[in-house]
Amino acid sequence: MIKLGVHLDIFEEDGQYVGLCQELGVSSFGDTPDEAEAATREAVTLFIEECQNMGTLEQVLAESGFYQDGDTWIARKPVAEKELELAV
């Protein structure tokens, strides 16, 4: 078993709630924010388990910007967070 810290963002889209784990590119949805969180937690768990089964977990986590501290994998923290408005 590994310990993994990830961020979860929840958005409303067309009457549904979407949970997104940006670090791993995994998302899921539900009718409520709690359902979206539970579904995304399950999707991330399944993603991690499949990576373990394939023997690629450490590579995937490292390529996704995680670093290992003991038995815990930690997502990198942004130096700054900003919203940009662009006119292209």
N, C-alpha and C. Protein backbone atom coordinates (compact mmCIF):
# COMPACT_ATOMS: atom_id res chain seq x y z
N MET A 1 0.84 -1.17 0.00
CA MET A 1 0.00 0.00 0.00
C MET A 1 0.89 1.24 0.00
N ILE A 2 0.46 2.25 -0.77
CA ILE A 2 1.17 3.52 -0.79
C ILE A 2 0.26 4.60 -0.23
N LYS A 3 0.88 5.68 0.21
CA LYS A 3 0.14 6.86 0.62
C LYS A 3 0.36 7.91 -0.46
N LEU A 4 -0.71 8.56 -0.85
CA LEU A 4 -0.64 9.50 -1.96
C LEU A 4 -1.49 10.72 -1.63
N GLY A 5 -0.91 11.88 -1.72
CA GLY A 5 -1.67 13.12 -1.52
C GLY A 5 -1.93 13.79 -2.85
N VAL A 6 -3.19 14.00 -3.19
CA VAL A 6 -3.56 14.66 -4.44
C VAL A 6 -4.57 15.76 -4.15
N HIS A 7 -4.74 16.64 -5.10
CA HIS A 7 -5.74 17.70 -5.00
C HIS A 7 -6.99 17.29 -5.76
N LEU A 8 -8.13 17.73 -5.27
CA LEU A 8 -9.40 17.46 -5.95
C LEU A 8 -10.10 18.79 -6.17
N ASP A 9 -10.43 19.08 -7.41
CA ASP A 9 -11.26 20.23 -7.75
C ASP A 9 -12.61 19.70 -8.18
N ILE A 10 -13.66 20.38 -7.78
CA ILE A 10 -15.02 19.99 -8.18
C ILE A 10 -15.66 21.17 -8.88
N PHE A 11 -16.18 20.91 -10.06
CA PHE A 11 -16.82 21.92 -10.90
C PHE A 11 -18.26 21.50 -11.19
N GLU A 12 -19.11 22.48 -11.43
CA GLU A 12 -20.46 22.16 -11.91
C GLU A 12 -20.48 22.35 -13.41
N GLU A 13 -21.00 21.34 -14.10
CA GLU A 13 -21.11 21.40 -15.56
C GLU A 13 -22.43 20.78 -15.97
N ASP A 14 -23.30 21.58 -16.54
CA ASP A 14 -24.58 21.11 -17.08
C ASP A 14 -25.38 20.29 -16.06
N GLY A 15 -25.46 20.78 -14.83
CA GLY A 15 -26.27 20.12 -13.81
C GLY A 15 -25.61 18.94 -13.14
N GLN A 16 -24.39 18.61 -13.51
CA GLN A 16 -23.61 17.54 -12.88
C GLN A 16 -22.40 18.16 -12.21
N TYR A 17 -21.84 17.43 -11.27
CA TYR A 17 -20.61 17.87 -10.62
C TYR A 17 -19.47 16.98 -11.08
N VAL A 18 -18.39 17.60 -11.48
CA VAL A 18 -17.22 16.89 -12.01
C VAL A 18 -16.07 17.04 -11.02
N GLY A 19 -15.51 15.93 -10.61
CA GLY A 19 -14.32 15.93 -9.77
C GLY A 19 -13.10 15.71 -10.65
N LEU A 20 -12.06 16.50 -10.42
CA LEU A 20 -10.86 16.41 -11.25
C LEU A 20 -9.62 16.38 -10.38
N CYS A 21 -8.82 15.36 -10.58
CA CYS A 21 -7.49 15.26 -9.98
C CYS A 21 -6.50 15.62 -11.09
N GLN A 22 -6.11 16.89 -11.11
CA GLN A 22 -5.28 17.38 -12.22
C GLN A 22 -3.91 16.72 -12.26
N GLU A 23 -3.33 16.40 -11.10
CA GLU A 23 -1.99 15.83 -11.09
C GLU A 23 -1.91 14.53 -11.90
N LEU A 24 -2.99 13.75 -11.86
CA LEU A 24 -2.99 12.46 -12.54
C LEU A 24 -3.85 12.45 -13.80
N GLY A 25 -4.56 13.54 -14.07
CA GLY A 25 -5.44 13.58 -15.24
C GLY A 25 -6.61 12.64 -15.12
N VAL A 26 -7.13 12.47 -13.90
CA VAL A 26 -8.24 11.55 -13.64
C VAL A 26 -9.45 12.37 -13.20
N SER A 27 -10.62 12.05 -13.74
CA SER A 27 -11.83 12.74 -13.35
C SER A 27 -13.00 11.77 -13.30
N SER A 28 -14.05 12.20 -12.63
CA SER A 28 -15.30 11.47 -12.60
C SER A 28 -16.40 12.46 -12.25
N PHE A 29 -17.63 11.99 -12.03
CA PHE A 29 -18.73 12.92 -11.83
C PHE A 29 -19.79 12.33 -10.91
N GLY A 30 -20.71 13.18 -10.50
CA GLY A 30 -21.84 12.75 -9.68
C GLY A 30 -22.92 13.81 -9.69
N ASP A 31 -24.05 13.48 -9.08
CA ASP A 31 -25.18 14.42 -9.02
C ASP A 31 -24.99 15.49 -7.94
N THR A 32 -24.08 15.25 -7.00
CA THR A 32 -23.79 16.20 -5.93
C THR A 32 -22.27 16.31 -5.80
N PRO A 33 -21.79 17.36 -5.14
CA PRO A 33 -20.34 17.43 -4.92
C PRO A 33 -19.80 16.22 -4.16
N ASP A 34 -20.54 15.72 -3.18
CA ASP A 34 -20.08 14.54 -2.44
C ASP A 34 -20.00 13.31 -3.33
N GLU A 35 -20.98 13.14 -4.22
CA GLU A 35 -20.94 12.00 -5.15
C GLU A 35 -19.76 12.14 -6.12
N ALA A 36 -19.50 13.36 -6.57
CA ALA A 36 -18.37 13.58 -7.47
C ALA A 36 -17.06 13.28 -6.76
N GLU A 37 -16.96 13.67 -5.49
CA GLU A 37 -15.75 13.37 -4.72
C GLU A 37 -15.56 11.86 -4.57
N ALA A 38 -16.63 11.16 -4.20
CA ALA A 38 -16.53 9.70 -4.01
C ALA A 38 -16.17 9.01 -5.32
N ALA A 39 -16.79 9.43 -6.41
CA ALA A 39 -16.52 8.81 -7.71
C ALA A 39 -15.09 9.08 -8.17
N THR A 40 -14.60 10.29 -7.91
CA THR A 40 -13.23 10.62 -8.31
C THR A 40 -12.23 9.89 -7.44
N ARG A 41 -12.53 9.77 -6.15
CA ARG A 41 -11.66 8.98 -5.26
C ARG A 41 -11.55 7.54 -5.77
N GLU A 42 -12.68 6.96 -6.18
CA GLU A 42 -12.67 5.60 -6.71
C GLU A 42 -11.88 5.53 -8.02
N ALA A 43 -12.06 6.52 -8.89
CA ALA A 43 -11.34 6.52 -10.18
C ALA A 43 -9.84 6.64 -9.97
N VAL A 44 -9.41 7.49 -9.03
CA VAL A 44 -7.98 7.62 -8.75
C VAL A 44 -7.44 6.33 -8.17
N THR A 45 -8.19 5.71 -7.26
CA THR A 45 -7.77 4.44 -6.67
C THR A 45 -7.59 3.38 -7.75
N LEU A 46 -8.56 3.27 -8.65
CA LEU A 46 -8.46 2.28 -9.74
C LEU A 46 -7.28 2.58 -10.66
N PHE A 47 -7.04 3.86 -10.93
CA PHE A 47 -5.90 4.26 -11.76
C PHE A 47 -4.59 3.83 -11.11
N ILE A 48 -4.46 4.11 -9.81
CA ILE A 48 -3.24 3.75 -9.08
C ILE A 48 -3.07 2.23 -9.05
N GLU A 49 -4.15 1.50 -8.77
CA GLU A 49 -4.06 0.04 -8.74
C GLU A 49 -3.64 -0.53 -10.08
N GLU A 50 -4.16 0.03 -11.17
CA GLU A 50 -3.79 -0.47 -12.50
C GLU A 50 -2.32 -0.16 -12.80
N CYS A 51 -1.85 1.01 -12.40
CA CYS A 51 -0.43 1.33 -12.57
C CYS A 51 0.44 0.35 -11.79
N GLN A 52 0.00 0.01 -10.56
CA GLN A 52 0.74 -0.98 -9.77
C GLN A 52 0.76 -2.32 -10.49
N ASN A 53 -0.38 -2.75 -11.02
CA ASN A 53 -0.46 -4.04 -11.72
C ASN A 53 0.45 -4.07 -12.95
N MET A 54 0.59 -2.92 -13.61
CA MET A 54 1.42 -2.85 -14.80
C MET A 54 2.89 -2.61 -14.47
N GLY A 55 3.19 -2.31 -13.20
CA GLY A 55 4.57 -2.06 -12.80
C GLY A 55 5.08 -0.69 -13.20
N THR A 56 4.17 0.26 -13.43
CA THR A 56 4.57 1.58 -13.90
C THR A 56 4.27 2.70 -12.89
N LEU A 57 3.85 2.37 -11.69
CA LEU A 57 3.39 3.39 -10.76
C LEU A 57 4.45 4.43 -10.45
N GLU A 58 5.65 4.00 -10.08
CA GLU A 58 6.69 4.98 -9.73
C GLU A 58 7.02 5.88 -10.91
N GLN A 59 7.08 5.34 -12.10
CA GLN A 59 7.35 6.14 -13.29
C GLN A 59 6.23 7.15 -13.54
N VAL A 60 4.98 6.70 -13.44
CA VAL A 60 3.84 7.59 -13.67
C VAL A 60 3.83 8.72 -12.64
N LEU A 61 4.04 8.39 -11.38
CA LEU A 61 4.03 9.42 -10.34
C LEU A 61 5.17 10.42 -10.53
N ALA A 62 6.36 9.92 -10.83
CA ALA A 62 7.50 10.81 -11.05
C ALA A 62 7.26 11.73 -12.25
N GLU A 63 6.74 11.18 -13.33
CA GLU A 63 6.46 11.98 -14.52
C GLU A 63 5.34 12.99 -14.28
N SER A 64 4.48 12.71 -13.30
CA SER A 64 3.38 13.62 -12.96
C SER A 64 3.79 14.67 -11.94
N GLY A 65 5.06 14.67 -11.54
CA GLY A 65 5.56 15.70 -10.65
C GLY A 65 5.52 15.37 -9.17
N PHE A 66 5.27 14.13 -8.82
CA PHE A 66 5.27 13.72 -7.42
C PHE A 66 6.69 13.44 -6.95
N TYR A 67 6.90 13.56 -5.67
CA TYR A 67 8.17 13.14 -5.09
C TYR A 67 7.86 12.28 -3.86
N GLN A 68 8.78 11.41 -3.54
CA GLN A 68 8.56 10.46 -2.46
C GLN A 68 9.23 10.95 -1.18
N ASP A 69 8.46 10.91 -0.09
CA ASP A 69 8.96 11.24 1.25
C ASP A 69 8.62 10.05 2.14
N GLY A 70 9.58 9.17 2.35
CA GLY A 70 9.30 7.94 3.08
C GLY A 70 8.39 7.05 2.27
N ASP A 71 7.24 6.67 2.86
CA ASP A 71 6.29 5.83 2.12
C ASP A 71 5.14 6.64 1.53
N THR A 72 5.29 7.97 1.51
CA THR A 72 4.25 8.84 0.99
C THR A 72 4.72 9.54 -0.28
N TRP A 73 3.87 9.55 -1.30
CA TRP A 73 4.12 10.30 -2.52
C TRP A 73 3.38 11.62 -2.41
N ILE A 74 4.08 12.73 -2.65
CA ILE A 74 3.52 14.06 -2.46
C ILE A 74 3.53 14.80 -3.79
N ALA A 75 2.41 15.43 -4.09
CA ALA A 75 2.31 16.22 -5.33
C ALA A 75 3.09 17.52 -5.17
N ARG A 76 3.71 17.95 -6.25
CA ARG A 76 4.42 19.22 -6.19
C ARG A 76 3.42 20.35 -5.93
N LYS A 77 3.90 21.37 -5.27
CA LYS A 77 3.08 22.53 -4.93
C LYS A 77 3.43 23.68 -5.88
N PRO A 78 2.43 24.39 -6.37
CA PRO A 78 2.74 25.51 -7.25
C PRO A 78 3.39 26.65 -6.48
N VAL A 79 4.24 27.38 -7.14
CA VAL A 79 4.85 28.56 -6.56
C VAL A 79 3.82 29.69 -6.51
N ALA A 80 2.94 29.73 -7.52
CA ALA A 80 1.88 30.73 -7.58
C ALA A 80 0.69 30.13 -8.33
N GLU A 81 -0.49 30.63 -8.00
CA GLU A 81 -1.69 30.23 -8.72
C GLU A 81 -2.36 31.51 -9.20
N LYS A 82 -2.63 31.57 -10.50
CA LYS A 82 -3.25 32.75 -11.08
C LYS A 82 -4.27 32.35 -12.11
N GLU A 83 -5.27 33.17 -12.27
CA GLU A 83 -6.22 33.01 -13.36
C GLU A 83 -5.84 34.00 -14.44
N LEU A 84 -5.73 33.53 -15.65
CA LEU A 84 -5.35 34.38 -16.77
C LEU A 84 -6.54 34.57 -17.69
N GLU A 85 -6.72 35.80 -18.14
CA GLU A 85 -7.71 36.09 -19.17
C GLU A 85 -6.95 36.39 -20.45
N LEU A 86 -7.28 35.66 -21.49
CA LEU A 86 -6.57 35.81 -22.76
C LEU A 86 -7.53 36.17 -23.88
N ALA A 87 -7.08 36.99 -24.78
CA ALA A 87 -7.81 37.27 -26.00
C ALA A 87 -6.93 36.79 -27.15
N VAL A 88 -7.35 35.73 -27.78
CA VAL A 88 -6.53 35.12 -28.82
C VAL A 88 -7.20 35.27 -30.17
